[in-house]
């Protein structure tokens, strides 16, 4: 079987956890996917990451990686502020894209990336862990079969420890965008529908070290 060549944009610390370790531990994935190389802002940074993580090729720039014909898909692990830009650049270069969460900053960027992938006929996927997890699929199946009764309410808590650098993620992108996006993904997968926000509150906390703690109430059709 010919392997899909994937290139990594960015030397984020979660790359081994999100991409490299699953490939090593899953023979089926390893038989289908080959990590071609990694690009970072500086080639020295890319070379250091490749050496530490056992990646064969370091690129001098993002453009060089996107120009490589051996790279058929791109894993975007760049800061969230530039993910939309480089996702579109990768798609325009003919690559499929798997992007870290959150893949975009707002609805406008979501539409831009969606239309780019549709126009180019390329696959674009956000790396929300629960979306394809077997446990999520099994619970969804049990709901459909009525084995756990009628679904009326979901109460979901997302601890900061869910993320490798949870506190850092929350401080840069906010709790919902940084970590809560996975909770939203779980609920969407279980309900197989899009939520509608009924209400949302963000109380101000006295501790200046905490950005904010909020609650929301969503409903499904």
N, C-alpha and C. Protein backbone atom coordinates (compact mmCIF):
# COMPACT_ATOMS: atom_id res chain seq x y z
N UNK A 1 0.84 -1.20 0.00
CA UNK A 1 0.00 0.00 0.00
C UNK A 1 0.88 1.25 0.00
N UNK A 2 0.60 2.17 -0.91
CA UNK A 2 1.35 3.41 -0.97
C UNK A 2 0.96 4.31 0.19
N UNK A 3 1.95 4.83 0.91
CA UNK A 3 1.68 5.63 2.09
C UNK A 3 1.40 7.08 1.71
N UNK A 4 0.54 7.71 2.51
CA UNK A 4 0.23 9.13 2.35
C UNK A 4 1.34 9.93 3.02
N UNK A 5 2.00 10.79 2.26
CA UNK A 5 3.07 11.61 2.81
C UNK A 5 2.51 12.85 3.48
N UNK A 6 2.85 13.05 4.74
CA UNK A 6 2.34 14.19 5.49
C UNK A 6 3.48 15.07 5.97
N UNK A 7 3.30 16.37 5.82
CA UNK A 7 4.28 17.34 6.30
C UNK A 7 3.71 18.13 7.45
N UNK A 8 4.56 18.53 8.38
CA UNK A 8 4.11 19.23 9.58
C UNK A 8 4.52 20.69 9.51
N UNK A 9 3.54 21.57 9.66
CA UNK A 9 3.81 23.01 9.72
C UNK A 9 3.82 23.43 11.19
N UNK A 10 5.01 23.72 11.71
CA UNK A 10 5.13 24.16 13.09
C UNK A 10 5.75 23.11 13.98
N UNK A 11 6.55 23.57 14.93
CA UNK A 11 7.24 22.67 15.86
C UNK A 11 6.62 22.77 17.25
N UNK A 12 5.30 22.76 17.31
CA UNK A 12 4.59 22.86 18.58
C UNK A 12 4.90 21.65 19.46
N UNK A 13 4.89 21.86 20.77
CA UNK A 13 5.27 20.81 21.70
C UNK A 13 4.29 19.63 21.72
N UNK A 14 3.08 19.83 21.21
CA UNK A 14 2.10 18.75 21.23
C UNK A 14 2.17 17.86 19.98
N UNK A 15 3.07 18.15 19.05
CA UNK A 15 3.16 17.35 17.82
C UNK A 15 3.41 15.87 18.11
N UNK A 16 4.35 15.53 19.01
CA UNK A 16 4.54 14.10 19.30
C UNK A 16 3.27 13.45 19.85
N UNK A 17 2.60 14.13 20.78
CA UNK A 17 1.40 13.59 21.40
C UNK A 17 0.26 13.45 20.39
N UNK A 18 0.08 14.47 19.55
CA UNK A 18 -1.07 14.51 18.64
C UNK A 18 -0.88 13.68 17.38
N UNK A 19 0.35 13.55 16.90
CA UNK A 19 0.57 12.92 15.60
C UNK A 19 1.58 11.77 15.63
N UNK A 20 2.75 12.01 16.20
CA UNK A 20 3.83 11.03 16.08
C UNK A 20 3.61 9.79 16.93
N UNK A 21 3.21 9.97 18.18
CA UNK A 21 2.99 8.81 19.04
C UNK A 21 1.85 7.91 18.55
N UNK A 22 0.71 8.48 18.11
CA UNK A 22 -0.34 7.62 17.56
C UNK A 22 0.12 6.81 16.36
N UNK A 23 0.97 7.39 15.52
CA UNK A 23 1.48 6.65 14.37
C UNK A 23 2.34 5.47 14.80
N UNK A 24 3.14 5.67 15.84
CA UNK A 24 4.02 4.60 16.31
C UNK A 24 3.25 3.48 16.99
N UNK A 25 2.16 3.85 17.66
CA UNK A 25 1.42 2.87 18.44
C UNK A 25 0.35 2.16 17.64
N UNK A 26 0.02 2.67 16.46
CA UNK A 26 -1.05 2.10 15.65
C UNK A 26 -0.50 1.55 14.34
N UNK A 27 -0.31 0.25 14.23
CA UNK A 27 0.26 -0.35 13.01
C UNK A 27 -0.54 -0.04 11.76
N UNK A 28 -1.86 0.05 11.90
CA UNK A 28 -2.70 0.35 10.74
C UNK A 28 -2.41 1.74 10.20
N UNK A 29 -2.28 2.73 11.10
CA UNK A 29 -1.94 4.08 10.67
C UNK A 29 -0.53 4.13 10.09
N UNK A 30 0.39 3.46 10.75
CA UNK A 30 1.79 3.47 10.30
C UNK A 30 1.93 2.88 8.91
N UNK A 31 1.04 1.96 8.56
CA UNK A 31 1.09 1.34 7.24
C UNK A 31 0.52 2.24 6.16
N UNK A 32 -0.20 3.28 6.57
CA UNK A 32 -0.87 4.15 5.62
C UNK A 32 -0.28 5.55 5.52
N UNK A 33 0.45 5.96 6.56
CA UNK A 33 0.92 7.34 6.64
C UNK A 33 2.43 7.39 6.88
N UNK A 34 3.10 8.29 6.17
CA UNK A 34 4.52 8.53 6.36
C UNK A 34 4.75 10.02 6.62
N UNK A 35 5.45 10.34 7.72
CA UNK A 35 5.79 11.73 8.00
C UNK A 35 7.03 12.08 7.17
N UNK A 36 6.82 12.97 6.22
CA UNK A 36 7.90 13.34 5.29
C UNK A 36 8.88 14.31 5.94
N UNK A 37 8.35 15.33 6.63
CA UNK A 37 9.23 16.32 7.23
C UNK A 37 8.48 17.38 7.99
N UNK A 38 9.24 18.33 8.52
CA UNK A 38 8.66 19.40 9.36
C UNK A 38 9.28 20.73 8.99
N UNK A 39 8.46 21.77 9.01
CA UNK A 39 8.93 23.13 8.75
C UNK A 39 8.57 24.02 9.92
N UNK A 40 9.47 24.94 10.26
CA UNK A 40 9.22 25.91 11.31
C UNK A 40 9.65 27.28 10.82
N UNK A 41 9.55 28.30 11.67
CA UNK A 41 9.92 29.64 11.25
C UNK A 41 11.40 29.74 10.90
N UNK A 42 12.22 29.02 11.65
CA UNK A 42 13.66 28.98 11.40
C UNK A 42 14.07 27.54 11.11
N UNK A 43 14.96 27.35 10.14
CA UNK A 43 15.37 26.00 9.82
C UNK A 43 16.06 25.33 10.99
N UNK A 44 16.80 26.13 11.80
CA UNK A 44 17.48 25.56 12.96
C UNK A 44 16.47 24.98 13.95
N UNK A 45 15.34 25.66 14.09
CA UNK A 45 14.29 25.16 14.98
C UNK A 45 13.68 23.88 14.41
N UNK A 46 13.48 23.86 13.10
CA UNK A 46 12.95 22.66 12.45
C UNK A 46 13.93 21.50 12.57
N UNK A 47 15.20 21.77 12.40
CA UNK A 47 16.22 20.72 12.51
C UNK A 47 16.28 20.15 13.92
N UNK A 48 16.16 21.02 14.92
CA UNK A 48 16.19 20.56 16.31
C UNK A 48 14.99 19.67 16.61
N UNK A 49 13.80 20.08 16.13
CA UNK A 49 12.60 19.29 16.35
C UNK A 49 12.69 17.94 15.64
N UNK A 50 13.18 17.95 14.42
CA UNK A 50 13.32 16.70 13.66
C UNK A 50 14.29 15.74 14.35
N UNK A 51 15.36 16.28 14.90
CA UNK A 51 16.33 15.45 15.60
C UNK A 51 15.73 14.84 16.86
N UNK A 52 14.99 15.65 17.61
CA UNK A 52 14.39 15.18 18.86
C UNK A 52 13.27 14.17 18.62
N UNK A 53 12.52 14.36 17.53
CA UNK A 53 11.32 13.56 17.31
C UNK A 53 11.51 12.48 16.25
N UNK A 54 12.71 12.35 15.70
CA UNK A 54 12.96 11.30 14.72
C UNK A 54 12.31 11.52 13.38
N UNK A 55 12.24 12.78 12.94
CA UNK A 55 11.67 13.11 11.64
C UNK A 55 12.82 13.30 10.65
N UNK A 56 12.65 12.79 9.46
CA UNK A 56 13.76 12.72 8.51
C UNK A 56 14.18 14.06 7.94
N UNK A 57 13.23 14.90 7.55
CA UNK A 57 13.57 16.10 6.78
C UNK A 57 13.11 17.38 7.46
N UNK A 58 14.00 18.37 7.52
CA UNK A 58 13.67 19.70 8.03
C UNK A 58 13.67 20.68 6.87
N UNK A 59 12.62 21.48 6.77
CA UNK A 59 12.50 22.45 5.69
C UNK A 59 12.92 23.83 6.16
N UNK A 60 13.43 24.63 5.23
CA UNK A 60 13.91 25.96 5.55
C UNK A 60 12.76 26.96 5.67
N UNK A 61 11.59 26.61 5.13
CA UNK A 61 10.44 27.51 5.20
C UNK A 61 9.16 26.72 5.00
N UNK A 62 8.03 27.34 5.33
CA UNK A 62 6.74 26.71 5.10
C UNK A 62 6.51 26.53 3.60
N UNK A 63 6.92 27.51 2.84
CA UNK A 63 6.75 27.44 1.38
C UNK A 63 7.48 26.26 0.78
N UNK A 64 8.67 25.98 1.31
CA UNK A 64 9.45 24.85 0.79
C UNK A 64 8.73 23.53 1.05
N UNK A 65 8.14 23.40 2.21
CA UNK A 65 7.39 22.18 2.52
C UNK A 65 6.19 22.04 1.59
N UNK A 66 5.45 23.14 1.38
CA UNK A 66 4.26 23.08 0.53
C UNK A 66 4.60 22.80 -0.93
N UNK A 67 5.81 23.10 -1.32
CA UNK A 67 6.24 22.87 -2.71
C UNK A 67 6.72 21.44 -2.93
N UNK A 68 6.91 20.69 -1.86
CA UNK A 68 7.42 19.32 -1.96
C UNK A 68 6.32 18.39 -2.47
N UNK A 69 6.57 17.73 -3.59
CA UNK A 69 5.57 16.84 -4.18
C UNK A 69 5.35 15.58 -3.33
N UNK A 70 6.32 15.24 -2.48
CA UNK A 70 6.15 14.07 -1.62
C UNK A 70 5.19 14.34 -0.47
N UNK A 71 4.91 15.60 -0.21
CA UNK A 71 3.96 15.98 0.83
C UNK A 71 2.57 16.08 0.21
N UNK A 72 1.71 15.15 0.56
CA UNK A 72 0.35 15.13 0.01
C UNK A 72 -0.67 15.72 0.97
N UNK A 73 -0.32 15.73 2.25
CA UNK A 73 -1.21 16.28 3.28
C UNK A 73 -0.37 17.05 4.28
N UNK A 74 -1.00 17.99 4.95
CA UNK A 74 -0.29 18.86 5.89
C UNK A 74 -0.99 18.84 7.24
N UNK A 75 -0.19 18.72 8.29
CA UNK A 75 -0.70 18.85 9.65
C UNK A 75 -0.31 20.24 10.14
N UNK A 76 -1.29 21.09 10.40
CA UNK A 76 -1.04 22.48 10.80
C UNK A 76 -1.01 22.57 12.32
N UNK A 77 0.18 22.82 12.86
CA UNK A 77 0.37 22.94 14.31
C UNK A 77 0.91 24.32 14.67
N UNK A 78 0.49 25.31 13.90
CA UNK A 78 0.94 26.69 14.09
C UNK A 78 0.04 27.42 15.09
N UNK A 79 0.45 28.59 15.58
CA UNK A 79 -0.42 29.38 16.47
C UNK A 79 -1.77 29.65 15.82
N UNK A 80 -2.81 29.69 16.63
CA UNK A 80 -4.17 29.77 16.11
C UNK A 80 -4.40 31.00 15.24
N UNK A 81 -3.68 32.09 15.49
CA UNK A 81 -3.89 33.32 14.73
C UNK A 81 -3.54 33.17 13.26
N UNK A 82 -2.67 32.21 12.91
CA UNK A 82 -2.24 32.05 11.51
C UNK A 82 -2.70 30.73 10.91
N UNK A 83 -3.51 29.98 11.61
CA UNK A 83 -3.93 28.67 11.09
C UNK A 83 -4.79 28.80 9.84
N UNK A 84 -5.69 29.75 9.83
CA UNK A 84 -6.54 29.95 8.65
C UNK A 84 -5.67 30.24 7.42
N UNK A 85 -4.74 31.17 7.58
CA UNK A 85 -3.88 31.58 6.46
C UNK A 85 -3.12 30.40 5.88
N UNK A 86 -2.46 29.63 6.75
CA UNK A 86 -1.62 28.54 6.23
C UNK A 86 -2.43 27.31 5.83
N UNK A 87 -3.62 27.17 6.39
CA UNK A 87 -4.51 26.11 5.92
C UNK A 87 -4.91 26.37 4.47
N UNK A 88 -5.29 27.61 4.19
CA UNK A 88 -5.67 27.97 2.82
C UNK A 88 -4.46 27.85 1.89
N UNK A 89 -3.30 28.29 2.34
CA UNK A 89 -2.09 28.18 1.51
C UNK A 89 -1.79 26.72 1.19
N UNK A 90 -1.95 25.85 2.17
CA UNK A 90 -1.70 24.43 1.95
C UNK A 90 -2.70 23.84 0.96
N UNK A 91 -3.97 24.20 1.12
CA UNK A 91 -5.00 23.71 0.20
C UNK A 91 -4.73 24.20 -1.22
N UNK A 92 -4.34 25.46 -1.36
CA UNK A 92 -4.05 26.01 -2.69
C UNK A 92 -2.83 25.34 -3.31
N UNK A 93 -1.97 24.78 -2.46
CA UNK A 93 -0.81 24.04 -2.96
C UNK A 93 -1.16 22.59 -3.30
N UNK A 94 -2.45 22.25 -3.16
CA UNK A 94 -2.90 20.91 -3.53
C UNK A 94 -2.83 19.89 -2.42
N UNK A 95 -2.71 20.34 -1.17
CA UNK A 95 -2.57 19.42 -0.06
C UNK A 95 -3.89 19.24 0.70
N UNK A 96 -4.09 18.06 1.25
CA UNK A 96 -5.15 17.85 2.22
C UNK A 96 -4.64 18.42 3.55
N UNK A 97 -5.56 18.79 4.45
CA UNK A 97 -5.14 19.44 5.69
C UNK A 97 -5.83 18.84 6.91
N UNK A 98 -5.01 18.54 7.91
CA UNK A 98 -5.49 18.22 9.25
C UNK A 98 -4.96 19.33 10.14
N UNK A 99 -5.87 20.08 10.77
CA UNK A 99 -5.47 21.25 11.54
C UNK A 99 -5.73 21.06 13.02
N UNK A 100 -4.83 21.59 13.83
CA UNK A 100 -5.01 21.59 15.27
C UNK A 100 -6.28 22.35 15.65
N UNK A 101 -6.76 22.12 16.86
CA UNK A 101 -7.93 22.84 17.37
C UNK A 101 -7.50 24.03 18.22
N UNK A 102 -8.25 25.11 18.13
CA UNK A 102 -9.30 25.40 17.14
C UNK A 102 -8.66 25.73 15.80
N UNK A 103 -9.26 25.29 14.73
CA UNK A 103 -8.67 25.48 13.41
C UNK A 103 -8.75 26.92 12.93
N UNK A 104 -9.71 27.68 13.45
CA UNK A 104 -9.88 29.08 13.05
C UNK A 104 -10.25 29.92 14.27
N UNK A 105 -10.27 31.24 14.07
CA UNK A 105 -10.59 32.15 15.16
C UNK A 105 -12.06 32.52 15.24
N UNK A 106 -12.76 32.44 14.10
CA UNK A 106 -14.15 32.90 14.07
C UNK A 106 -14.90 32.28 12.89
N UNK A 107 -16.18 32.61 12.78
CA UNK A 107 -17.03 32.04 11.74
C UNK A 107 -16.56 32.44 10.34
N UNK A 108 -16.07 33.66 10.20
CA UNK A 108 -15.61 34.13 8.89
C UNK A 108 -14.45 33.26 8.39
N UNK A 109 -13.49 32.99 9.27
CA UNK A 109 -12.37 32.14 8.87
C UNK A 109 -12.83 30.72 8.59
N UNK A 110 -13.84 30.26 9.32
CA UNK A 110 -14.36 28.91 9.07
C UNK A 110 -14.93 28.79 7.66
N UNK A 111 -15.66 29.82 7.24
CA UNK A 111 -16.23 29.82 5.89
C UNK A 111 -15.12 29.87 4.84
N UNK A 112 -14.08 30.66 5.10
CA UNK A 112 -12.97 30.79 4.16
C UNK A 112 -12.29 29.45 3.95
N UNK A 113 -11.98 28.76 5.03
CA UNK A 113 -11.28 27.47 4.90
C UNK A 113 -12.18 26.41 4.28
N UNK A 114 -13.47 26.44 4.63
CA UNK A 114 -14.40 25.47 4.06
C UNK A 114 -14.51 25.65 2.54
N UNK A 115 -14.68 26.89 2.12
CA UNK A 115 -14.83 27.14 0.68
C UNK A 115 -13.54 26.82 -0.07
N UNK A 116 -12.40 27.08 0.55
CA UNK A 116 -11.13 26.77 -0.10
C UNK A 116 -11.00 25.27 -0.33
N UNK A 117 -11.36 24.48 0.66
CA UNK A 117 -11.25 23.02 0.52
C UNK A 117 -12.25 22.49 -0.49
N UNK A 118 -13.45 23.04 -0.49
CA UNK A 118 -14.46 22.60 -1.45
C UNK A 118 -14.06 22.94 -2.87
N UNK A 119 -13.58 24.17 -3.08
CA UNK A 119 -13.18 24.60 -4.42
C UNK A 119 -12.01 23.78 -4.95
N UNK A 120 -11.10 23.41 -4.05
CA UNK A 120 -9.91 22.67 -4.48
C UNK A 120 -10.11 21.16 -4.48
N UNK A 121 -11.22 20.72 -3.91
CA UNK A 121 -11.48 19.28 -3.84
C UNK A 121 -10.52 18.57 -2.91
N UNK A 122 -10.17 19.24 -1.80
CA UNK A 122 -9.24 18.67 -0.84
C UNK A 122 -9.94 18.46 0.51
N UNK A 123 -9.48 17.46 1.24
CA UNK A 123 -10.05 17.16 2.55
C UNK A 123 -9.49 18.12 3.58
N UNK A 124 -10.37 18.72 4.37
CA UNK A 124 -9.97 19.59 5.47
C UNK A 124 -10.65 19.07 6.73
N UNK A 125 -9.84 18.80 7.75
CA UNK A 125 -10.38 18.24 8.99
C UNK A 125 -9.74 18.90 10.19
N UNK A 126 -10.57 19.19 11.18
CA UNK A 126 -10.07 19.74 12.44
C UNK A 126 -9.79 18.58 13.39
N UNK A 127 -8.66 18.65 14.08
CA UNK A 127 -8.23 17.53 14.92
C UNK A 127 -8.91 17.48 16.27
N UNK A 128 -10.24 17.50 16.30
CA UNK A 128 -10.96 17.33 17.55
C UNK A 128 -10.97 15.84 17.91
N UNK A 129 -10.28 15.52 18.98
CA UNK A 129 -10.06 14.13 19.36
C UNK A 129 -11.35 13.32 19.49
N UNK A 130 -12.40 13.84 20.13
CA UNK A 130 -13.60 13.01 20.34
C UNK A 130 -14.38 12.67 19.08
N UNK A 131 -14.20 13.45 18.02
CA UNK A 131 -15.02 13.29 16.83
C UNK A 131 -14.94 11.88 16.25
N UNK A 132 -13.73 11.32 16.22
CA UNK A 132 -13.54 10.01 15.61
C UNK A 132 -13.20 8.93 16.64
N UNK A 133 -13.31 9.25 17.92
CA UNK A 133 -12.91 8.29 18.95
C UNK A 133 -13.93 7.15 19.03
N UNK A 134 -13.47 5.90 19.13
CA UNK A 134 -14.38 4.74 19.19
C UNK A 134 -15.36 4.80 20.37
N UNK A 135 -14.93 5.37 21.50
CA UNK A 135 -15.82 5.46 22.66
C UNK A 135 -17.00 6.37 22.36
N UNK A 136 -16.71 7.53 21.72
CA UNK A 136 -17.79 8.45 21.36
C UNK A 136 -18.77 7.78 20.41
N UNK A 137 -18.25 7.05 19.42
CA UNK A 137 -19.11 6.38 18.46
C UNK A 137 -19.96 5.30 19.13
N UNK A 138 -19.35 4.59 20.11
CA UNK A 138 -20.08 3.53 20.80
C UNK A 138 -21.21 4.11 21.65
N UNK A 139 -20.95 5.21 22.35
CA UNK A 139 -21.99 5.84 23.16
C UNK A 139 -23.12 6.35 22.25
N UNK A 140 -22.76 6.93 21.11
CA UNK A 140 -23.76 7.38 20.15
C UNK A 140 -24.62 6.21 19.68
N UNK A 141 -24.01 5.08 19.41
CA UNK A 141 -24.75 3.89 18.99
C UNK A 141 -25.71 3.42 20.09
N UNK A 142 -25.25 3.47 21.33
CA UNK A 142 -26.10 3.06 22.46
C UNK A 142 -27.30 4.00 22.62
N UNK A 143 -27.07 5.29 22.34
CA UNK A 143 -28.17 6.25 22.41
C UNK A 143 -29.21 5.94 21.34
N UNK A 144 -28.74 5.67 20.11
CA UNK A 144 -29.66 5.38 19.02
C UNK A 144 -30.44 4.09 19.26
N UNK A 145 -29.80 3.13 19.89
CA UNK A 145 -30.45 1.84 20.16
C UNK A 145 -31.36 1.90 21.39
N UNK A 146 -31.34 3.02 22.10
CA UNK A 146 -32.18 3.16 23.27
C UNK A 146 -31.71 2.38 24.48
N UNK A 147 -30.44 2.00 24.51
CA UNK A 147 -29.94 1.17 25.61
C UNK A 147 -29.71 1.96 26.89
N UNK A 148 -29.65 3.27 26.77
CA UNK A 148 -29.43 4.08 27.96
C UNK A 148 -30.58 5.07 28.16
N UNK A 149 -31.70 4.77 27.54
CA UNK A 149 -32.86 5.63 27.70
C UNK A 149 -32.85 6.82 26.75
N UNK A 150 -33.75 7.75 26.96
CA UNK A 150 -33.86 8.94 26.12
C UNK A 150 -32.90 10.01 26.60
N UNK A 151 -32.12 10.55 25.68
CA UNK A 151 -31.18 11.60 26.03
C UNK A 151 -31.92 12.91 26.26
N UNK A 152 -31.84 13.43 27.46
CA UNK A 152 -32.52 14.67 27.80
C UNK A 152 -31.57 15.79 28.19
N UNK A 153 -30.43 15.44 28.77
CA UNK A 153 -29.54 16.48 29.29
C UNK A 153 -28.10 15.96 29.30
N UNK A 154 -27.18 16.83 28.92
CA UNK A 154 -25.75 16.50 29.00
C UNK A 154 -25.07 17.57 29.85
N UNK A 155 -24.42 17.14 30.90
CA UNK A 155 -23.67 18.05 31.77
C UNK A 155 -22.20 17.68 31.63
N UNK A 156 -21.43 18.57 31.03
CA UNK A 156 -20.05 18.24 30.69
C UNK A 156 -19.08 19.22 31.34
N UNK A 157 -18.10 18.68 32.03
CA UNK A 157 -17.05 19.52 32.61
C UNK A 157 -15.72 19.22 31.94
N UNK A 158 -14.96 20.27 31.62
CA UNK A 158 -13.67 20.11 30.95
C UNK A 158 -12.56 20.65 31.85
N UNK A 159 -11.83 19.80 32.55
CA UNK A 159 -10.75 20.28 33.41
C UNK A 159 -9.59 20.81 32.59
N UNK A 160 -8.86 21.75 33.15
CA UNK A 160 -7.70 22.32 32.47
C UNK A 160 -6.69 21.22 32.16
N UNK A 161 -6.62 20.22 33.00
CA UNK A 161 -5.66 19.15 32.79
C UNK A 161 -5.89 18.34 31.54
N UNK A 162 -7.04 18.56 30.86
CA UNK A 162 -7.32 17.86 29.60
C UNK A 162 -6.26 18.18 28.55
N UNK A 163 -5.63 19.35 28.66
CA UNK A 163 -4.65 19.77 27.68
C UNK A 163 -3.24 19.59 28.23
N UNK A 164 -2.29 19.38 27.33
CA UNK A 164 -0.89 19.26 27.73
C UNK A 164 -0.41 20.54 28.40
N UNK A 165 -0.78 21.65 27.86
CA UNK A 165 -0.45 22.95 28.45
C UNK A 165 -1.75 23.73 28.62
N UNK A 166 -2.65 23.16 29.43
CA UNK A 166 -3.99 23.72 29.54
C UNK A 166 -4.02 25.17 29.94
N UNK A 167 -3.25 25.54 30.95
CA UNK A 167 -3.29 26.91 31.43
C UNK A 167 -2.78 27.87 30.35
N UNK A 168 -1.73 27.45 29.64
CA UNK A 168 -1.18 28.30 28.59
C UNK A 168 -2.18 28.46 27.45
N UNK A 169 -2.83 27.37 27.09
CA UNK A 169 -3.82 27.40 26.01
C UNK A 169 -4.97 28.33 26.37
N UNK A 170 -5.47 28.22 27.59
CA UNK A 170 -6.60 29.05 28.01
C UNK A 170 -6.23 30.52 28.02
N UNK A 171 -5.00 30.82 28.43
CA UNK A 171 -4.60 32.22 28.51
C UNK A 171 -4.44 32.85 27.14
N UNK A 172 -4.14 32.04 26.11
CA UNK A 172 -3.90 32.58 24.77
C UNK A 172 -5.14 32.59 23.89
N UNK A 173 -5.96 31.56 24.00
CA UNK A 173 -7.11 31.45 23.09
C UNK A 173 -8.44 31.46 23.82
N UNK A 174 -8.42 31.45 25.14
CA UNK A 174 -9.67 31.40 25.89
C UNK A 174 -10.06 29.97 26.21
N UNK A 175 -10.82 29.79 27.26
CA UNK A 175 -11.17 28.44 27.71
C UNK A 175 -12.00 27.67 26.68
N UNK A 176 -12.98 28.34 26.07
CA UNK A 176 -13.85 27.65 25.11
C UNK A 176 -13.09 27.28 23.85
N UNK A 177 -12.32 28.21 23.30
CA UNK A 177 -11.59 27.93 22.06
C UNK A 177 -10.45 26.94 22.30
N UNK A 178 -9.77 27.08 23.45
CA UNK A 178 -8.60 26.25 23.68
C UNK A 178 -8.92 24.84 24.11
N UNK A 179 -9.86 24.68 25.02
CA UNK A 179 -10.18 23.37 25.58
C UNK A 179 -11.65 23.02 25.38
N UNK A 180 -12.53 24.00 25.57
CA UNK A 180 -13.96 23.74 25.45
C UNK A 180 -14.39 23.25 24.09
N UNK A 181 -13.58 23.54 23.05
CA UNK A 181 -13.92 23.07 21.71
C UNK A 181 -14.05 21.56 21.67
N UNK A 182 -13.27 20.86 22.51
CA UNK A 182 -13.36 19.39 22.57
C UNK A 182 -14.68 18.96 23.23
N UNK A 183 -15.10 19.73 24.24
CA UNK A 183 -16.38 19.43 24.86
C UNK A 183 -17.54 19.62 23.91
N UNK A 184 -17.49 20.71 23.13
CA UNK A 184 -18.52 20.95 22.12
C UNK A 184 -18.52 19.82 21.09
N UNK A 185 -17.33 19.35 20.73
CA UNK A 185 -17.23 18.26 19.75
C UNK A 185 -17.86 16.98 20.27
N UNK A 186 -17.67 16.69 21.57
CA UNK A 186 -18.27 15.50 22.15
C UNK A 186 -19.80 15.58 22.08
N UNK A 187 -20.34 16.73 22.48
CA UNK A 187 -21.79 16.90 22.49
C UNK A 187 -22.37 16.81 21.07
N UNK A 188 -21.69 17.44 20.12
CA UNK A 188 -22.16 17.38 18.73
C UNK A 188 -22.15 15.95 18.22
N UNK A 189 -21.09 15.18 18.58
CA UNK A 189 -20.99 13.80 18.12
C UNK A 189 -22.06 12.92 18.74
N UNK A 190 -22.35 13.14 20.02
CA UNK A 190 -23.35 12.32 20.69
C UNK A 190 -24.75 12.63 20.21
N UNK A 191 -25.03 13.91 19.96
CA UNK A 191 -26.37 14.32 19.54
C UNK A 191 -26.55 14.29 18.03
N UNK A 192 -25.44 14.25 17.30
CA UNK A 192 -25.48 14.24 15.83
C UNK A 192 -26.27 15.43 15.30
N UNK A 193 -26.04 16.58 15.91
CA UNK A 193 -26.76 17.78 15.50
C UNK A 193 -25.97 19.01 15.92
N UNK A 194 -26.37 20.15 15.41
CA UNK A 194 -25.71 21.40 15.75
C UNK A 194 -26.44 22.10 16.90
N UNK A 195 -25.72 22.53 17.92
CA UNK A 195 -26.38 23.19 19.06
C UNK A 195 -26.78 24.62 18.74
N UNK A 196 -27.77 25.09 19.44
CA UNK A 196 -28.18 26.48 19.40
C UNK A 196 -27.96 27.09 20.78
N UNK A 197 -27.23 28.18 20.85
CA UNK A 197 -26.95 28.81 22.13
C UNK A 197 -28.19 29.54 22.62
N UNK A 198 -28.70 29.13 23.77
CA UNK A 198 -29.86 29.77 24.38
C UNK A 198 -29.42 30.91 25.26
N UNK A 199 -28.37 30.69 26.03
CA UNK A 199 -27.85 31.74 26.89
C UNK A 199 -26.40 31.44 27.22
N UNK A 200 -25.65 32.48 27.57
CA UNK A 200 -24.25 32.31 27.95
C UNK A 200 -23.87 33.43 28.90
N UNK A 201 -23.13 33.10 29.94
CA UNK A 201 -22.71 34.10 30.92
C UNK A 201 -21.22 33.95 31.20
N UNK A 202 -20.57 35.06 31.45
CA UNK A 202 -19.15 35.07 31.81
C UNK A 202 -18.98 35.98 33.02
N UNK A 203 -19.11 35.45 34.22
CA UNK A 203 -18.95 36.29 35.42
C UNK A 203 -17.51 36.75 35.59
N UNK A 204 -17.33 37.94 36.06
CA UNK A 204 -16.00 38.49 36.30
C UNK A 204 -15.48 37.99 37.64
N UNK A 205 -14.26 37.46 37.62
CA UNK A 205 -13.66 36.94 38.83
C UNK A 205 -12.68 37.95 39.41
N UNK A 206 -12.53 37.91 40.72
CA UNK A 206 -11.66 38.87 41.38
C UNK A 206 -10.19 38.52 41.22
N UNK A 207 -9.88 37.26 41.01
CA UNK A 207 -8.49 36.85 40.86
C UNK A 207 -7.97 37.30 39.50
N UNK A 208 -7.02 38.22 39.41
CA UNK A 208 -6.54 38.72 38.11
C UNK A 208 -5.81 37.68 37.28
N UNK A 209 -5.41 36.57 37.91
CA UNK A 209 -4.68 35.54 37.18
C UNK A 209 -5.61 34.66 36.35
N UNK A 210 -6.90 34.75 36.59
CA UNK A 210 -7.87 33.92 35.90
C UNK A 210 -8.62 34.77 34.87
N UNK A 211 -8.58 34.34 33.62
CA UNK A 211 -9.21 35.10 32.54
C UNK A 211 -10.71 35.20 32.73
N UNK A 212 -11.33 34.12 33.09
CA UNK A 212 -12.78 34.13 33.27
C UNK A 212 -13.32 32.72 33.36
N UNK A 213 -14.48 32.59 33.94
CA UNK A 213 -15.11 31.30 34.08
C UNK A 213 -16.57 31.48 33.76
N UNK A 214 -17.08 30.76 32.79
CA UNK A 214 -18.44 31.02 32.36
C UNK A 214 -19.28 29.77 32.26
N UNK A 215 -20.52 29.97 31.91
CA UNK A 215 -21.44 28.87 31.71
C UNK A 215 -22.32 29.21 30.53
N UNK A 216 -22.80 28.17 29.86
CA UNK A 216 -23.69 28.38 28.73
C UNK A 216 -24.78 27.32 28.72
N UNK A 217 -25.89 27.65 28.10
CA UNK A 217 -27.01 26.74 27.97
C UNK A 217 -27.34 26.60 26.51
N UNK A 218 -27.21 25.39 25.99
CA UNK A 218 -27.46 25.13 24.57
C UNK A 218 -28.60 24.15 24.41
N UNK A 219 -29.27 24.24 23.31
CA UNK A 219 -30.33 23.29 23.01
C UNK A 219 -30.12 22.70 21.63
N UNK A 220 -30.70 21.53 21.38
CA UNK A 220 -30.61 20.87 20.09
C UNK A 220 -32.02 20.68 19.55
N UNK A 221 -32.18 20.75 18.23
CA UNK A 221 -33.51 20.57 17.63
C UNK A 221 -34.10 19.20 18.01
